[in-house]
Amino acid sequence: MKRSIKNLALTAAISLAASSLIACGDKQQTAATPSKDAAPYSGTGVASFTAPGWKAGDKTAWEQQLKTRMQNGQNEYNKVN
C-alpha cells in the first residue's frame, strides 16, 4: 500500500516538473513588419488597387478622395431619401 502511494506521488511530481518545463521551451514570437512605414498616399505600386485618375504620391488628391468617400459612402444623412 505504501509503495503504491510512493509511486503515485513520484509520478505526480515527475509529471508536474515535466509540464512546468514545457512552457520554458517557447520561442519568442515577433511580427515580421518592415522597420519604416510608407505614407498612405504613396500607394501600393499596383495599379489595380488605386482609384481611377489618382496618381501615387499625390497627397492632395488622396485627401480629396478620402473626403469624397466619407461624404458619398459613409454619411448616413446623405443615404436617407
PDB file of N, CA and C in Angstrom:
ATOM      1  N   MET A   1       0.817  -1.187   0.000  1.00  0.00           N
ATOM      2  CA  MET A   1       0.000   0.000   0.000  1.00  0.00           C
ATOM      3  C   MET A   1       0.866   1.258   0.000  1.00  0.00           C
ATOM      4  N   LYS A   2       1.892   1.272   0.886  1.00  0.00           N
ATOM      5  CA  LYS A   2       2.774   2.430   0.955  1.00  0.00           C
ATOM      6  C   LYS A   2       3.552   2.595  -0.349  1.00  0.00           C
ATOM      7  N   ARG A   3       3.882   1.479  -0.970  1.00  0.00           N
ATOM      8  CA  ARG A   3       4.660   1.542  -2.207  1.00  0.00           C
ATOM      9  C   ARG A   3       3.837   2.160  -3.340  1.00  0.00           C
ATOM     10  N   SER A   4       2.540   1.886  -3.427  1.00  0.00           N
ATOM     11  CA  SER A   4       1.707   2.457  -4.480  1.00  0.00           C
ATOM     12  C   SER A   4       1.491   3.956  -4.258  1.00  0.00           C
ATOM     13  N   ILE A   5       1.435   4.397  -3.016  1.00  0.00           N
ATOM     14  CA  ILE A   5       1.308   5.829  -2.710  1.00  0.00           C
ATOM     15  C   ILE A   5       2.602   6.538  -3.091  1.00  0.00           C
ATOM     16  N   LYS A   6       3.761   5.894  -2.810  1.00  0.00           N
ATOM     17  CA  LYS A   6       5.047   6.469  -3.193  1.00  0.00           C
ATOM     18  C   LYS A   6       5.151   6.589  -4.710  1.00  0.00           C
ATOM     19  N   ASN A   7       4.728   5.541  -5.412  1.00  0.00           N
ATOM     20  CA  ASN A   7       4.774   5.565  -6.875  1.00  0.00           C
ATOM     21  C   ASN A   7       3.850   6.650  -7.426  1.00  0.00           C
ATOM     22  N   LEU A   8       2.683   6.794  -6.835  1.00  0.00           N
ATOM     23  CA  LEU A   8       1.730   7.813  -7.266  1.00  0.00           C
ATOM     24  C   LEU A   8       2.292   9.214  -7.022  1.00  0.00           C
ATOM     25  N   ALA A   9       2.902   9.422  -5.859  1.00  0.00           N
ATOM     26  CA  ALA A   9       3.496  10.723  -5.543  1.00  0.00           C
ATOM     27  C   ALA A   9       4.672  11.019  -6.468  1.00  0.00           C
ATOM     28  N   LEU A  10       5.486  10.005  -6.749  1.00  0.00           N
ATOM     29  CA  LEU A  10       6.624  10.179  -7.647  1.00  0.00           C
ATOM     30  C   LEU A  10       6.153  10.489  -9.066  1.00  0.00           C
ATOM     31  N   THR A  11       5.136   9.794  -9.515  1.00  0.00           N
ATOM     32  CA  THR A  11       4.582  10.042 -10.842  1.00  0.00           C
ATOM     33  C   THR A  11       3.990  11.445 -10.936  1.00  0.00           C
ATOM     34  N   ALA A  12       3.304  11.874  -9.911  1.00  0.00           N
ATOM     35  CA  ALA A  12       2.721  13.221  -9.890  1.00  0.00           C
ATOM     36  C   ALA A  12       3.825  14.280  -9.903  1.00  0.00           C
ATOM     37  N   ALA A  13       4.883  14.056  -9.153  1.00  0.00           N
ATOM     38  CA  ALA A  13       5.981  15.023  -9.101  1.00  0.00           C
ATOM     39  C   ALA A  13       6.701  15.109 -10.442  1.00  0.00           C
ATOM     40  N   ILE A  14       6.911  13.979 -11.080  1.00  0.00           N
ATOM     41  CA  ILE A  14       7.582  13.973 -12.383  1.00  0.00           C
ATOM     42  C   ILE A  14       6.718  14.652 -13.436  1.00  0.00           C
ATOM     43  N   SER A  15       5.426  14.370 -13.451  1.00  0.00           N
ATOM     44  CA  SER A  15       4.549  14.998 -14.443  1.00  0.00           C
ATOM     45  C   SER A  15       4.421  16.497 -14.200  1.00  0.00           C
ATOM     46  N   LEU A  16       4.425  16.918 -12.937  1.00  0.00           N
ATOM     47  CA  LEU A  16       4.376  18.347 -12.634  1.00  0.00           C
ATOM     48  C   LEU A  16       5.653  19.043 -13.096  1.00  0.00           C
ATOM     49  N   ALA A  17       6.784  18.425 -12.864  1.00  0.00           N
ATOM     50  CA  ALA A  17       8.053  19.011 -13.293  1.00  0.00           C
ATOM     51  C   ALA A  17       8.139  19.066 -14.819  1.00  0.00           C
ATOM     52  N   ALA A  18       7.689  18.005 -15.473  1.00  0.00           N
ATOM     53  CA  ALA A  18       7.731  17.976 -16.941  1.00  0.00           C
ATOM     54  C   ALA A  18       6.796  19.022 -17.538  1.00  0.00           C
ATOM     55  N   SER A  19       5.607  19.167 -16.973  1.00  0.00           N
ATOM     56  CA  SER A  19       4.662  20.149 -17.521  1.00  0.00           C
ATOM     57  C   SER A  19       5.115  21.578 -17.270  1.00  0.00           C
ATOM     58  N   SER A  20       5.843  21.813 -16.182  1.00  0.00           N
ATOM     59  CA  SER A  20       6.332  23.174 -15.940  1.00  0.00           C
ATOM     60  C   SER A  20       7.509  23.514 -16.860  1.00  0.00           C
ATOM     61  N   LEU A  21       8.274  22.520 -17.284  1.00  0.00           N
ATOM     62  CA  LEU A  21       9.394  22.761 -18.185  1.00  0.00           C
ATOM     63  C   LEU A  21       8.941  22.956 -19.629  1.00  0.00           C
ATOM     64  N   ILE A  22       7.773  22.489 -19.987  1.00  0.00           N
ATOM     65  CA  ILE A  22       7.280  22.635 -21.345  1.00  0.00           C
ATOM     66  C   ILE A  22       7.119  24.112 -21.695  1.00  0.00           C
ATOM     67  N   ALA A  23       6.667  24.918 -20.770  1.00  0.00           N
ATOM     68  CA  ALA A  23       6.464  26.345 -21.023  1.00  0.00           C
ATOM     69  C   ALA A  23       7.782  27.071 -21.270  1.00  0.00           C
ATOM     70  N   CYS A  24       8.877  26.563 -20.774  1.00  0.00           N
ATOM     71  CA  CYS A  24      10.175  27.212 -20.972  1.00  0.00           C
ATOM     72  C   CYS A  24      10.713  27.022 -22.383  1.00  0.00           C
ATOM     73  N   GLY A  25      10.140  26.127 -23.146  1.00  0.00           N
ATOM     74  CA  GLY A  25      10.631  25.847 -24.478  1.00  0.00           C
ATOM     75  C   GLY A  25      10.050  26.732 -25.554  1.00  0.00           C
ATOM     76  N   ASP A  26       9.143  27.635 -25.212  1.00  0.00           N
ATOM     77  CA  ASP A  26       8.545  28.517 -26.219  1.00  0.00           C
ATOM     78  C   ASP A  26       9.557  29.524 -26.727  1.00  0.00           C
ATOM     79  N   LYS A  27       9.558  29.717 -28.038  1.00  0.00           N
ATOM     80  CA  LYS A  27      10.431  30.714 -28.635  1.00  0.00           C
ATOM     81  C   LYS A  27       9.714  32.052 -28.666  1.00  0.00           C
ATOM     82  N   GLN A  28      10.453  33.123 -28.617  1.00  0.00           N
ATOM     83  CA  GLN A  28       9.871  34.449 -28.675  1.00  0.00           C
ATOM     84  C   GLN A  28       9.267  34.674 -30.056  1.00  0.00           C
ATOM     85  N   GLN A  29       8.047  35.184 -30.088  1.00  0.00           N
ATOM     86  CA  GLN A  29       7.359  35.415 -31.350  1.00  0.00           C
ATOM     87  C   GLN A  29       7.328  36.913 -31.627  1.00  0.00           C
ATOM     88  N   THR A  30       7.868  37.303 -32.767  1.00  0.00           N
ATOM     89  CA  THR A  30       7.868  38.706 -33.154  1.00  0.00           C
ATOM     90  C   THR A  30       7.236  38.840 -34.526  1.00  0.00           C
ATOM     91  N   ALA A  31       6.617  39.959 -34.753  1.00  0.00           N
ATOM     92  CA  ALA A  31       5.995  40.219 -36.045  1.00  0.00           C
ATOM     93  C   ALA A  31       7.069  40.630 -37.048  1.00  0.00           C
ATOM     94  N   ALA A  32       6.937  40.135 -38.253  1.00  0.00           N
ATOM     95  CA  ALA A  32       7.895  40.466 -39.308  1.00  0.00           C
ATOM     96  C   ALA A  32       7.378  41.682 -40.071  1.00  0.00           C
ATOM     97  N   THR A  33       7.446  42.837 -39.434  1.00  0.00           N
ATOM     98  CA  THR A  33       6.964  44.059 -40.064  1.00  0.00           C
ATOM     99  C   THR A  33       8.150  44.879 -40.545  1.00  0.00           C
ATOM    100  N   PRO A  34       7.945  45.639 -41.589  1.00  0.00           N
ATOM    101  CA  PRO A  34       9.041  46.497 -42.047  1.00  0.00           C
ATOM    102  C   PRO A  34       9.363  47.557 -40.996  1.00  0.00           C
ATOM    103  N   SER A  35      10.588  48.000 -41.003  1.00  0.00           N
ATOM    104  CA  SER A  35      11.009  48.948 -39.976  1.00  0.00           C
ATOM    105  C   SER A  35      10.470  50.353 -40.219  1.00  0.00           C
ATOM    106  N   LYS A  36      10.166  50.697 -41.451  1.00  0.00           N
ATOM    107  CA  LYS A  36       9.681  52.042 -41.737  1.00  0.00           C
ATOM    108  C   LYS A  36       8.436  51.949 -42.622  1.00  0.00           C
ATOM    109  N   ASP A  37       7.363  52.567 -42.185  1.00  0.00           N
ATOM    110  CA  ASP A  37       6.133  52.565 -42.971  1.00  0.00           C
ATOM    111  C   ASP A  37       6.159  53.701 -43.983  1.00  0.00           C
ATOM    112  N   ALA A  38       5.522  53.457 -45.091  1.00  0.00           N
ATOM    113  CA  ALA A  38       5.406  54.491 -46.119  1.00  0.00           C
ATOM    114  C   ALA A  38       4.138  55.299 -45.854  1.00  0.00           C
ATOM    115  N   ALA A  39       4.102  56.496 -46.371  1.00  0.00           N
ATOM    116  CA  ALA A  39       2.912  57.334 -46.231  1.00  0.00           C
ATOM    117  C   ALA A  39       1.750  56.679 -46.980  1.00  0.00           C
ATOM    118  N   PRO A  40       0.523  56.787 -46.478  1.00  0.00           N
ATOM    119  CA  PRO A  40      -0.594  56.123 -47.133  1.00  0.00           C
ATOM    120  C   PRO A  40      -0.855  56.623 -48.546  1.00  0.00           C
ATOM    121  N   TYR A  41      -0.520  57.863 -48.818  1.00  0.00           N
ATOM    122  CA  TYR A  41      -0.765  58.412 -50.150  1.00  0.00           C
ATOM    123  C   TYR A  41       0.314  58.032 -51.154  1.00  0.00           C
ATOM    124  N   SER A  42       1.327  57.274 -50.712  1.00  0.00           N
ATOM    125  CA  SER A  42       2.372  56.860 -51.649  1.00  0.00           C
ATOM    126  C   SER A  42       1.928  55.688 -52.519  1.00  0.00           C
ATOM    127  N   GLY A  43       0.846  55.021 -52.169  1.00  0.00           N
ATOM    128  CA  GLY A  43       0.299  53.952 -52.994  1.00  0.00           C
ATOM    129  C   GLY A  43       0.933  52.608 -52.726  1.00  0.00           C
ATOM    130  N   THR A  44       0.421  51.599 -53.426  1.00  0.00           N
ATOM    131  CA  THR A  44       0.911  50.231 -53.245  1.00  0.00           C
ATOM    132  C   THR A  44       1.865  49.801 -54.336  1.00  0.00           C
ATOM    133  N   GLY A  45       1.861  50.492 -55.448  1.00  0.00           N
ATOM    134  CA  GLY A  45       2.683  50.097 -56.575  1.00  0.00           C
ATOM    135  C   GLY A  45       1.939  49.209 -57.559  1.00  0.00           C
ATOM    136  N   VAL A  46       0.689  48.864 -57.238  1.00  0.00           N
ATOM    137  CA  VAL A  46      -0.134  48.035 -58.114  1.00  0.00           C
ATOM    138  C   VAL A  46      -1.295  48.890 -58.610  1.00  0.00           C
ATOM    139  N   ALA A  47      -1.391  49.041 -59.909  1.00  0.00           N
ATOM    140  CA  ALA A  47      -2.388  49.952 -60.480  1.00  0.00           C
ATOM    141  C   ALA A  47      -3.820  49.498 -60.223  1.00  0.00           C
ATOM    142  N   SER A  48      -4.052  48.212 -60.080  1.00  0.00           N
ATOM    143  CA  SER A  48      -5.422  47.730 -59.880  1.00  0.00           C
ATOM    144  C   SER A  48      -5.967  48.071 -58.495  1.00  0.00           C
ATOM    145  N   PHE A  49      -5.099  48.509 -57.564  1.00  0.00           N
ATOM    146  CA  PHE A  49      -5.540  48.861 -56.224  1.00  0.00           C
ATOM    147  C   PHE A  49      -5.789  50.358 -56.056  1.00  0.00           C
ATOM    148  N   THR A  50      -5.678  51.130 -57.094  1.00  0.00           N
ATOM    149  CA  THR A  50      -5.837  52.580 -56.977  1.00  0.00           C
ATOM    150  C   THR A  50      -7.126  53.038 -57.647  1.00  0.00           C
ATOM    151  N   ALA A  51      -7.642  54.161 -57.192  1.00  0.00           N
ATOM    152  CA  ALA A  51      -8.849  54.736 -57.781  1.00  0.00           C
ATOM    153  C   ALA A  51      -8.508  55.331 -59.144  1.00  0.00           C
ATOM    154  N   PRO A  52      -9.454  55.293 -60.082  1.00  0.00           N
ATOM    155  CA  PRO A  52      -9.176  55.854 -61.410  1.00  0.00           C
ATOM    156  C   PRO A  52      -8.845  57.349 -61.326  1.00  0.00           C
ATOM    157  N   GLY A  53      -7.804  57.746 -62.015  1.00  0.00           N
ATOM    158  CA  GLY A  53      -7.410  59.153 -62.038  1.00  0.00           C
ATOM    159  C   GLY A  53      -6.478  59.568 -60.920  1.00  0.00           C
ATOM    160  N   TRP A  54      -6.214  58.700 -59.966  1.00  0.00           N
ATOM    161  CA  TRP A  54      -5.336  59.056 -58.853  1.00  0.00           C
ATOM    162  C   TRP A  54      -3.921  58.583 -59.153  1.00  0.00           C
ATOM    163  N   LYS A  55      -2.937  59.424 -58.836  1.00  0.00           N
ATOM    164  CA  LYS A  55      -1.528  59.085 -59.041  1.00  0.00           C
ATOM    165  C   LYS A  55      -0.872  58.870 -57.683  1.00  0.00           C
ATOM    166  N   ALA A  56      -0.051  57.865 -57.592  1.00  0.00           N
ATOM    167  CA  ALA A  56       0.649  57.570 -56.345  1.00  0.00           C
ATOM    168  C   ALA A  56       1.545  58.735 -55.955  1.00  0.00           C
ATOM    169  N   GLY A  57       1.499  59.121 -54.696  1.00  0.00           N
ATOM    170  CA  GLY A  57       2.318  60.209 -54.185  1.00  0.00           C
ATOM    171  C   GLY A  57       1.625  61.555 -54.165  1.00  0.00           C
ATOM    172  N   ASP A  58       0.409  61.641 -54.687  1.00  0.00           N
ATOM    173  CA  ASP A  58      -0.336  62.904 -54.729  1.00  0.00           C
ATOM    174  C   ASP A  58      -1.157  63.032 -53.441  1.00  0.00           C
ATOM    175  N   LYS A  59      -0.593  63.731 -52.458  1.00  0.00           N
ATOM    176  CA  LYS A  59      -1.226  63.845 -51.134  1.00  0.00           C
ATOM    177  C   LYS A  59      -2.539  64.605 -51.200  1.00  0.00           C
ATOM    178  N   THR A  60      -2.603  65.655 -51.987  1.00  0.00           N
ATOM    179  CA  THR A  60      -3.826  66.461 -52.075  1.00  0.00           C
ATOM    180  C   THR A  60      -4.972  65.642 -52.663  1.00  0.00           C
ATOM    181  N   ALA A  61      -4.684  64.897 -53.729  1.00  0.00           N
ATOM    182  CA  ALA A  61      -5.717  64.063 -54.340  1.00  0.00           C
ATOM    183  C   ALA A  61      -6.146  62.945 -53.386  1.00  0.00           C
ATOM    184  N   TRP A  62      -5.216  62.425 -52.599  1.00  0.00           N
ATOM    185  CA  TRP A  62      -5.527  61.378 -51.620  1.00  0.00           C
ATOM    186  C   TRP A  62      -6.506  61.916 -50.580  1.00  0.00           C
ATOM    187  N   GLU A  63      -6.216  63.101 -50.041  1.00  0.00           N
ATOM    188  CA  GLU A  63      -7.098  63.689 -49.035  1.00  0.00           C
ATOM    189  C   GLU A  63      -8.473  64.000 -49.612  1.00  0.00           C
ATOM    190  N   GLN A  64      -8.510  64.488 -50.853  1.00  0.00           N
ATOM    191  CA  GLN A  64      -9.790  64.776 -51.503  1.00  0.00           C
ATOM    192  C   GLN A  64     -10.591  63.487 -51.706  1.00  0.00           C
ATOM    193  N   GLN A  65      -9.916  62.410 -52.083  1.00  0.00           N
ATOM    194  CA  GLN A  65     -10.587  61.119 -52.270  1.00  0.00           C
ATOM    195  C   GLN A  65     -11.186  60.642 -50.953  1.00  0.00           C
ATOM    196  N   LEU A  66     -10.467  60.808 -49.857  1.00  0.00           N
ATOM    197  CA  LEU A  66     -10.994  60.405 -48.554  1.00  0.00           C
ATOM    198  C   LEU A  66     -12.218  61.227 -48.165  1.00  0.00           C
ATOM    199  N   LYS A  67     -12.177  62.531 -48.432  1.00  0.00           N
ATOM    200  CA  LYS A  67     -13.339  63.381 -48.135  1.00  0.00           C
ATOM    201  C   LYS A  67     -14.540  62.974 -48.970  1.00  0.00           C
ATOM    202  N   THR A  68     -14.313  62.696 -50.248  1.00  0.00           N
ATOM    203  CA  THR A  68     -15.400  62.281 -51.136  1.00  0.00           C
ATOM    204  C   THR A  68     -15.975  60.943 -50.696  1.00  0.00           C
ATOM    205  N   ARG A  69     -15.116  60.016 -50.332  1.00  0.00           N
ATOM    206  CA  ARG A  69     -15.578  58.712 -49.875  1.00  0.00           C
ATOM    207  C   ARG A  69     -16.393  58.838 -48.595  1.00  0.00           C
ATOM    208  N   MET A  70     -15.973  59.737 -47.721  1.00  0.00           N
ATOM    209  CA  MET A  70     -16.698  59.948 -46.469  1.00  0.00           C
ATOM    210  C   MET A  70     -18.091  60.519 -46.735  1.00  0.00           C
ATOM    211  N   GLN A  71     -18.187  61.452 -47.633  1.00  0.00           N
ATOM    212  CA  GLN A  71     -19.479  62.068 -47.927  1.00  0.00           C
ATOM    213  C   GLN A  71     -20.408  61.139 -48.694  1.00  0.00           C
ATOM    214  N   ASN A  72     -19.885  60.401 -49.658  1.00  0.00           N
ATOM    215  CA  ASN A  72     -20.732  59.568 -50.507  1.00  0.00           C
ATOM    216  C   ASN A  72     -21.033  58.194 -49.922  1.00  0.00           C
ATOM    217  N   GLY A  73     -20.084  57.617 -49.237  1.00  0.00           N
ATOM    218  CA  GLY A  73     -20.261  56.236 -48.827  1.00  0.00           C
ATOM    219  C   GLY A  73     -20.544  56.007 -47.369  1.00  0.00           C
ATOM    220  N   GLN A  74     -20.126  56.923 -46.507  1.00  0.00           N
ATOM    221  CA  GLN A  74     -20.240  56.651 -45.078  1.00  0.00           C
ATOM    222  C   GLN A  74     -21.053  57.704 -44.330  1.00  0.00           C
ATOM    223  N   ASN A  75     -21.715  58.556 -45.024  1.00  0.00           N
ATOM    224  CA  ASN A  75     -22.521  59.584 -44.384  1.00  0.00           C
ATOM    225  C   ASN A  75     -23.989  59.157 -44.438  1.00  0.00           C
ATOM    226  N   GLU A  76     -24.563  58.813 -43.305  1.00  0.00           N
ATOM    227  CA  GLU A  76     -25.925  58.301 -43.248  1.00  0.00           C
ATOM    228  C   GLU A  76     -26.945  59.372 -43.610  1.00  0.00           C
ATOM    229  N   TYR A  77     -26.645  60.633 -43.405  1.00  0.00           N
ATOM    230  CA  TYR A  77     -27.593  61.703 -43.753  1.00  0.00           C
ATOM    231  C   TYR A  77     -27.787  61.788 -45.264  1.00  0.00           C
ATOM    232  N   ASN A  78     -26.746  61.490 -46.034  1.00  0.00           N
ATOM    233  CA  ASN A  78     -26.869  61.513 -47.493  1.00  0.00           C
ATOM    234  C   ASN A  78     -27.601  60.294 -48.033  1.00  0.00           C
ATOM    235  N   LYS A  79     -27.667  59.202 -47.279  1.00  0.00           N
ATOM    236  CA  LYS A  79     -28.311  57.986 -47.744  1.00  0.00           C
ATOM    237  C   LYS A  79     -29.818  58.012 -47.587  1.00  0.00           C
ATOM    238  N   VAL A  80     -30.330  58.869 -46.729  1.00  0.00           N
ATOM    239  CA  VAL A  80     -31.776  58.933 -46.486  1.00  0.00           C
ATOM    240  C   VAL A  80     -32.444  59.588 -47.679  1.00  0.00           C
ATOM    241  N   ASN A  81     -33.512  58.956 -48.186  1.00  0.00           N
ATOM    242  CA  ASN A  81     -34.226  59.508 -49.348  1.00  0.00           C
ATOM    243  C   ASN A  81     -35.174  60.600 -48.973  1.00  0.00           C
TER     244      ASN A  81
END
